[in-house]
Amino acid sequence: MGEWSFFTNHARAMLFIANQPDARLRDLAGVLGVTERTAYGIVADLTEAGYVVKERDGTRNRYHIQDQLPLGDALIRERTIGEVLDLLLGTKRRLRSRRR
């Protein structure tokens, strides 16, 4: 059986951004094992879908997850992005992001 991941690169990017909202695309690309151009495309997809908001902070970008939005999956449509991130990352993420 070939290698595969339980989560897509888009889901993995959301997890990474939730933990490190001020990370660079280079950092995201390294974690995902993709090129910076691919990482940019993933963030652009998430931004276009409304799940991530990009904010300029000096010379860097800062990313905000719109955790109140519902998942786009028919199987678990009643859950929000924030609920899933909390489940996968723990409640410390929510407490930390509210303090910023």
N, C-alpha and C. Protein backbone atom coordinates (compact mmCIF):
# COMPACT_ATOMS: atom_id res chain seq x y z
N MET A 1 0.85 -1.18 0.00
CA MET A 1 0.00 0.00 0.00
C MET A 1 0.89 1.24 0.00
N GLY A 2 0.55 2.22 -0.83
CA GLY A 2 1.31 3.46 -0.93
C GLY A 2 1.10 4.34 0.30
N GLU A 3 1.94 5.36 0.40
CA GLU A 3 1.81 6.31 1.52
C GLU A 3 0.60 7.20 1.32
N TRP A 4 -0.09 7.49 2.39
CA TRP A 4 -1.21 8.41 2.35
C TRP A 4 -1.35 9.04 3.72
N SER A 5 -2.09 10.11 3.79
CA SER A 5 -2.30 10.82 5.04
C SER A 5 -3.79 10.87 5.35
N PHE A 6 -4.13 10.78 6.60
CA PHE A 6 -5.52 10.85 7.02
C PHE A 6 -6.12 12.22 6.69
N PHE A 7 -5.30 13.26 6.77
CA PHE A 7 -5.75 14.62 6.50
C PHE A 7 -5.18 15.12 5.18
N THR A 8 -5.95 15.92 4.48
CA THR A 8 -5.47 16.56 3.26
C THR A 8 -4.48 17.65 3.62
N ASN A 9 -3.76 18.14 2.63
CA ASN A 9 -2.84 19.26 2.89
C ASN A 9 -3.61 20.51 3.31
N HIS A 10 -4.83 20.68 2.83
CA HIS A 10 -5.63 21.83 3.25
C HIS A 10 -5.97 21.73 4.74
N ALA A 11 -6.35 20.55 5.20
CA ALA A 11 -6.66 20.36 6.62
C ALA A 11 -5.40 20.52 7.47
N ARG A 12 -4.29 19.98 7.00
CA ARG A 12 -3.03 20.12 7.73
C ARG A 12 -2.60 21.58 7.79
N ALA A 13 -2.84 22.32 6.73
CA ALA A 13 -2.50 23.75 6.72
C ALA A 13 -3.35 24.49 7.75
N MET A 14 -4.64 24.16 7.84
CA MET A 14 -5.51 24.80 8.84
C MET A 14 -4.99 24.52 10.25
N LEU A 15 -4.58 23.30 10.52
CA LEU A 15 -4.05 22.96 11.84
C LEU A 15 -2.78 23.76 12.14
N PHE A 16 -1.91 23.87 11.14
CA PHE A 16 -0.67 24.62 11.33
C PHE A 16 -0.95 26.10 11.55
N ILE A 17 -1.83 26.67 10.75
CA ILE A 17 -2.16 28.10 10.88
C ILE A 17 -2.84 28.37 12.23
N ALA A 18 -3.66 27.46 12.69
CA ALA A 18 -4.32 27.64 13.98
C ALA A 18 -3.30 27.72 15.11
N ASN A 19 -2.22 26.96 14.99
CA ASN A 19 -1.18 26.97 16.01
C ASN A 19 -0.18 28.10 15.83
N GLN A 20 0.04 28.51 14.58
CA GLN A 20 1.05 29.53 14.30
C GLN A 20 0.52 30.53 13.29
N PRO A 21 -0.37 31.43 13.72
CA PRO A 21 -1.00 32.36 12.79
C PRO A 21 -0.04 33.35 12.13
N ASP A 22 1.15 33.51 12.66
CA ASP A 22 2.10 34.44 12.06
C ASP A 22 3.23 33.72 11.33
N ALA A 23 3.06 32.43 11.08
CA ALA A 23 4.08 31.66 10.37
C ALA A 23 4.18 32.11 8.92
N ARG A 24 5.33 31.91 8.34
CA ARG A 24 5.56 32.26 6.94
C ARG A 24 5.14 31.10 6.04
N LEU A 25 4.88 31.41 4.78
CA LEU A 25 4.54 30.36 3.81
C LEU A 25 5.67 29.34 3.71
N ARG A 26 6.89 29.80 3.86
CA ARG A 26 8.05 28.90 3.84
C ARG A 26 7.94 27.86 4.96
N ASP A 27 7.52 28.31 6.14
CA ASP A 27 7.35 27.39 7.27
C ASP A 27 6.25 26.37 6.97
N LEU A 28 5.13 26.86 6.44
CA LEU A 28 4.01 25.98 6.10
C LEU A 28 4.43 24.96 5.05
N ALA A 29 5.13 25.43 4.03
CA ALA A 29 5.59 24.53 2.98
C ALA A 29 6.49 23.43 3.54
N GLY A 30 7.37 23.81 4.45
CA GLY A 30 8.28 22.83 5.06
C GLY A 30 7.53 21.77 5.84
N VAL A 31 6.55 22.19 6.61
CA VAL A 31 5.76 21.23 7.41
C VAL A 31 4.95 20.30 6.51
N LEU A 32 4.38 20.87 5.45
CA LEU A 32 3.56 20.06 4.55
C LEU A 32 4.39 19.22 3.58
N GLY A 33 5.65 19.58 3.40
CA GLY A 33 6.49 18.88 2.44
C GLY A 33 6.13 19.22 1.00
N VAL A 34 5.78 20.50 0.79
CA VAL A 34 5.41 20.97 -0.54
C VAL A 34 6.23 22.22 -0.86
N THR A 35 6.13 22.71 -2.07
CA THR A 35 6.82 23.94 -2.45
C THR A 35 6.09 25.15 -1.85
N GLU A 36 6.78 26.28 -1.81
CA GLU A 36 6.14 27.51 -1.33
C GLU A 36 4.98 27.90 -2.24
N ARG A 37 5.12 27.65 -3.51
CA ARG A 37 4.05 27.97 -4.45
C ARG A 37 2.79 27.14 -4.15
N THR A 38 2.98 25.87 -3.83
CA THR A 38 1.85 25.02 -3.47
C THR A 38 1.23 25.48 -2.16
N ALA A 39 2.08 25.83 -1.19
CA ALA A 39 1.57 26.34 0.10
C ALA A 39 0.76 27.60 -0.13
N TYR A 40 1.25 28.48 -1.00
CA TYR A 40 0.53 29.71 -1.33
C TYR A 40 -0.84 29.36 -1.92
N GLY A 41 -0.88 28.38 -2.81
CA GLY A 41 -2.14 27.96 -3.42
C GLY A 41 -3.12 27.42 -2.39
N ILE A 42 -2.63 26.67 -1.43
CA ILE A 42 -3.50 26.13 -0.37
C ILE A 42 -4.08 27.25 0.47
N VAL A 43 -3.22 28.19 0.87
CA VAL A 43 -3.70 29.33 1.67
C VAL A 43 -4.68 30.17 0.84
N ALA A 44 -4.41 30.34 -0.43
CA ALA A 44 -5.33 31.08 -1.29
C ALA A 44 -6.68 30.38 -1.38
N ASP A 45 -6.68 29.05 -1.49
CA ASP A 45 -7.93 28.28 -1.51
C ASP A 45 -8.71 28.49 -0.22
N LEU A 46 -8.01 28.39 0.91
CA LEU A 46 -8.68 28.55 2.22
C LEU A 46 -9.20 29.97 2.41
N THR A 47 -8.45 30.95 1.89
CA THR A 47 -8.88 32.35 1.97
C THR A 47 -10.09 32.59 1.09
N GLU A 48 -10.05 32.08 -0.13
CA GLU A 48 -11.16 32.24 -1.06
C GLU A 48 -12.44 31.58 -0.54
N ALA A 49 -12.28 30.46 0.15
CA ALA A 49 -13.44 29.76 0.72
C ALA A 49 -13.96 30.45 1.99
N GLY A 50 -13.18 31.43 2.51
CA GLY A 50 -13.61 32.17 3.68
C GLY A 50 -13.17 31.58 5.01
N TYR A 51 -12.42 30.49 4.99
CA TYR A 51 -11.99 29.84 6.22
C TYR A 51 -10.81 30.55 6.88
N VAL A 52 -10.03 31.27 6.08
CA VAL A 52 -8.86 31.98 6.59
C VAL A 52 -8.93 33.42 6.11
N VAL A 53 -8.60 34.34 7.01
CA VAL A 53 -8.48 35.75 6.64
C VAL A 53 -7.02 36.13 6.80
N LYS A 54 -6.46 36.75 5.77
CA LYS A 54 -5.06 37.16 5.78
C LYS A 54 -5.02 38.65 6.12
N GLU A 55 -4.18 38.99 7.08
CA GLU A 55 -4.02 40.38 7.52
C GLU A 55 -2.55 40.76 7.44
N ARG A 56 -2.28 41.89 6.86
CA ARG A 56 -0.90 42.37 6.76
C ARG A 56 -0.48 42.93 8.12
N ASP A 57 0.69 42.51 8.59
CA ASP A 57 1.23 42.95 9.87
C ASP A 57 2.69 43.37 9.63
N GLY A 58 2.87 44.64 9.26
CA GLY A 58 4.21 45.12 8.89
C GLY A 58 4.62 44.50 7.57
N THR A 59 5.73 43.77 7.59
CA THR A 59 6.19 43.11 6.37
C THR A 59 5.73 41.66 6.29
N ARG A 60 4.99 41.21 7.27
CA ARG A 60 4.55 39.81 7.34
C ARG A 60 3.03 39.73 7.21
N ASN A 61 2.56 38.54 6.97
CA ASN A 61 1.13 38.27 6.99
C ASN A 61 0.79 37.54 8.27
N ARG A 62 -0.39 37.78 8.75
CA ARG A 62 -0.91 37.07 9.92
C ARG A 62 -2.24 36.47 9.46
N TYR A 63 -2.48 35.24 9.84
CA TYR A 63 -3.66 34.52 9.38
C TYR A 63 -4.62 34.28 10.53
N HIS A 64 -5.91 34.45 10.24
CA HIS A 64 -6.95 34.23 11.25
C HIS A 64 -7.92 33.18 10.71
N ILE A 65 -8.14 32.16 11.50
CA ILE A 65 -9.09 31.12 11.15
C ILE A 65 -10.49 31.62 11.51
N GLN A 66 -11.42 31.48 10.62
CA GLN A 66 -12.82 31.84 10.87
C GLN A 66 -13.51 30.62 11.47
N ASP A 67 -13.26 30.40 12.75
CA ASP A 67 -13.66 29.14 13.37
C ASP A 67 -15.16 28.99 13.62
N GLN A 68 -15.93 30.02 13.36
CA GLN A 68 -17.38 29.91 13.53
C GLN A 68 -18.05 29.31 12.29
N LEU A 69 -17.31 29.19 11.19
CA LEU A 69 -17.89 28.69 9.94
C LEU A 69 -18.11 27.18 10.00
N PRO A 70 -19.17 26.70 9.36
CA PRO A 70 -19.41 25.26 9.33
C PRO A 70 -18.44 24.57 8.38
N LEU A 71 -18.21 23.30 8.64
CA LEU A 71 -17.40 22.51 7.71
C LEU A 71 -18.17 22.33 6.42
N GLY A 72 -17.46 22.19 5.34
CA GLY A 72 -18.11 22.00 4.06
C GLY A 72 -18.35 20.54 3.74
N ASP A 73 -18.32 19.68 4.73
CA ASP A 73 -18.46 18.24 4.52
C ASP A 73 -19.86 17.79 4.88
N ALA A 74 -20.52 17.10 3.99
CA ALA A 74 -21.90 16.68 4.19
C ALA A 74 -22.06 15.74 5.39
N LEU A 75 -21.05 14.98 5.73
CA LEU A 75 -21.15 14.03 6.84
C LEU A 75 -21.19 14.71 8.20
N ILE A 76 -20.49 15.83 8.32
CA ILE A 76 -20.43 16.52 9.62
C ILE A 76 -20.68 18.01 9.45
N ARG A 77 -21.64 18.33 8.65
CA ARG A 77 -21.95 19.73 8.32
C ARG A 77 -22.34 20.55 9.55
N GLU A 78 -22.90 19.91 10.57
CA GLU A 78 -23.36 20.66 11.74
C GLU A 78 -22.21 21.11 12.64
N ARG A 79 -20.99 20.70 12.38
CA ARG A 79 -19.82 21.10 13.17
C ARG A 79 -19.14 22.30 12.54
N THR A 80 -18.52 23.10 13.39
CA THR A 80 -17.78 24.27 12.89
C THR A 80 -16.29 23.94 12.79
N ILE A 81 -15.60 24.79 12.06
CA ILE A 81 -14.14 24.66 11.95
C ILE A 81 -13.51 24.71 13.34
N GLY A 82 -13.97 25.64 14.17
CA GLY A 82 -13.42 25.79 15.52
C GLY A 82 -13.60 24.55 16.37
N GLU A 83 -14.75 23.90 16.27
CA GLU A 83 -14.98 22.68 17.05
C GLU A 83 -14.00 21.57 16.64
N VAL A 84 -13.77 21.44 15.36
CA VAL A 84 -12.86 20.42 14.88
C VAL A 84 -11.42 20.75 15.29
N LEU A 85 -11.02 22.01 15.14
CA LEU A 85 -9.67 22.40 15.55
C LEU A 85 -9.49 22.20 17.05
N ASP A 86 -10.49 22.53 17.85
CA ASP A 86 -10.39 22.31 19.29
C ASP A 86 -10.22 20.83 19.62
N LEU A 87 -10.94 20.00 18.91
CA LEU A 87 -10.84 18.57 19.13
C LEU A 87 -9.44 18.07 18.80
N LEU A 88 -8.90 18.52 17.68
CA LEU A 88 -7.60 18.04 17.22
C LEU A 88 -6.43 18.69 17.94
N LEU A 89 -6.57 19.95 18.33
CA LEU A 89 -5.46 20.69 18.92
C LEU A 89 -5.59 20.91 20.42
N GLY A 90 -6.78 20.74 20.96
CA GLY A 90 -7.00 21.00 22.38
C GLY A 90 -7.48 22.41 22.63
N THR A 91 -7.97 22.67 23.82
CA THR A 91 -8.56 23.96 24.13
C THR A 91 -7.54 25.07 24.30
N LYS A 92 -6.27 24.77 24.45
CA LYS A 92 -5.26 25.82 24.61
C LYS A 92 -5.23 26.74 23.40
N ARG A 93 -5.50 26.20 22.21
CA ARG A 93 -5.51 27.01 21.00
C ARG A 93 -6.55 28.10 21.11
N ARG A 94 -7.75 27.77 21.57
CA ARG A 94 -8.82 28.74 21.68
C ARG A 94 -8.49 29.82 22.69
N LEU A 95 -7.95 29.42 23.82
CA LEU A 95 -7.59 30.40 24.85
C LEU A 95 -6.50 31.33 24.36
N ARG A 96 -5.50 30.80 23.67
CA ARG A 96 -4.39 31.60 23.19
C ARG A 96 -4.88 32.58 22.11
N SER A 97 -5.73 32.11 21.20
CA SER A 97 -6.15 32.98 20.10
C SER A 97 -7.08 34.08 20.60
N ARG A 98 -7.80 33.87 21.65
CA ARG A 98 -8.69 34.92 22.20
C ARG A 98 -7.91 36.01 22.90
N ARG A 99 -6.73 35.69 23.41
CA ARG A 99 -5.93 36.68 24.12
C ARG A 99 -5.22 37.64 23.19
N ARG A 100 -5.05 37.26 21.94
CA ARG A 100 -4.29 38.09 20.99
C ARG A 100 -5.12 39.21 20.47
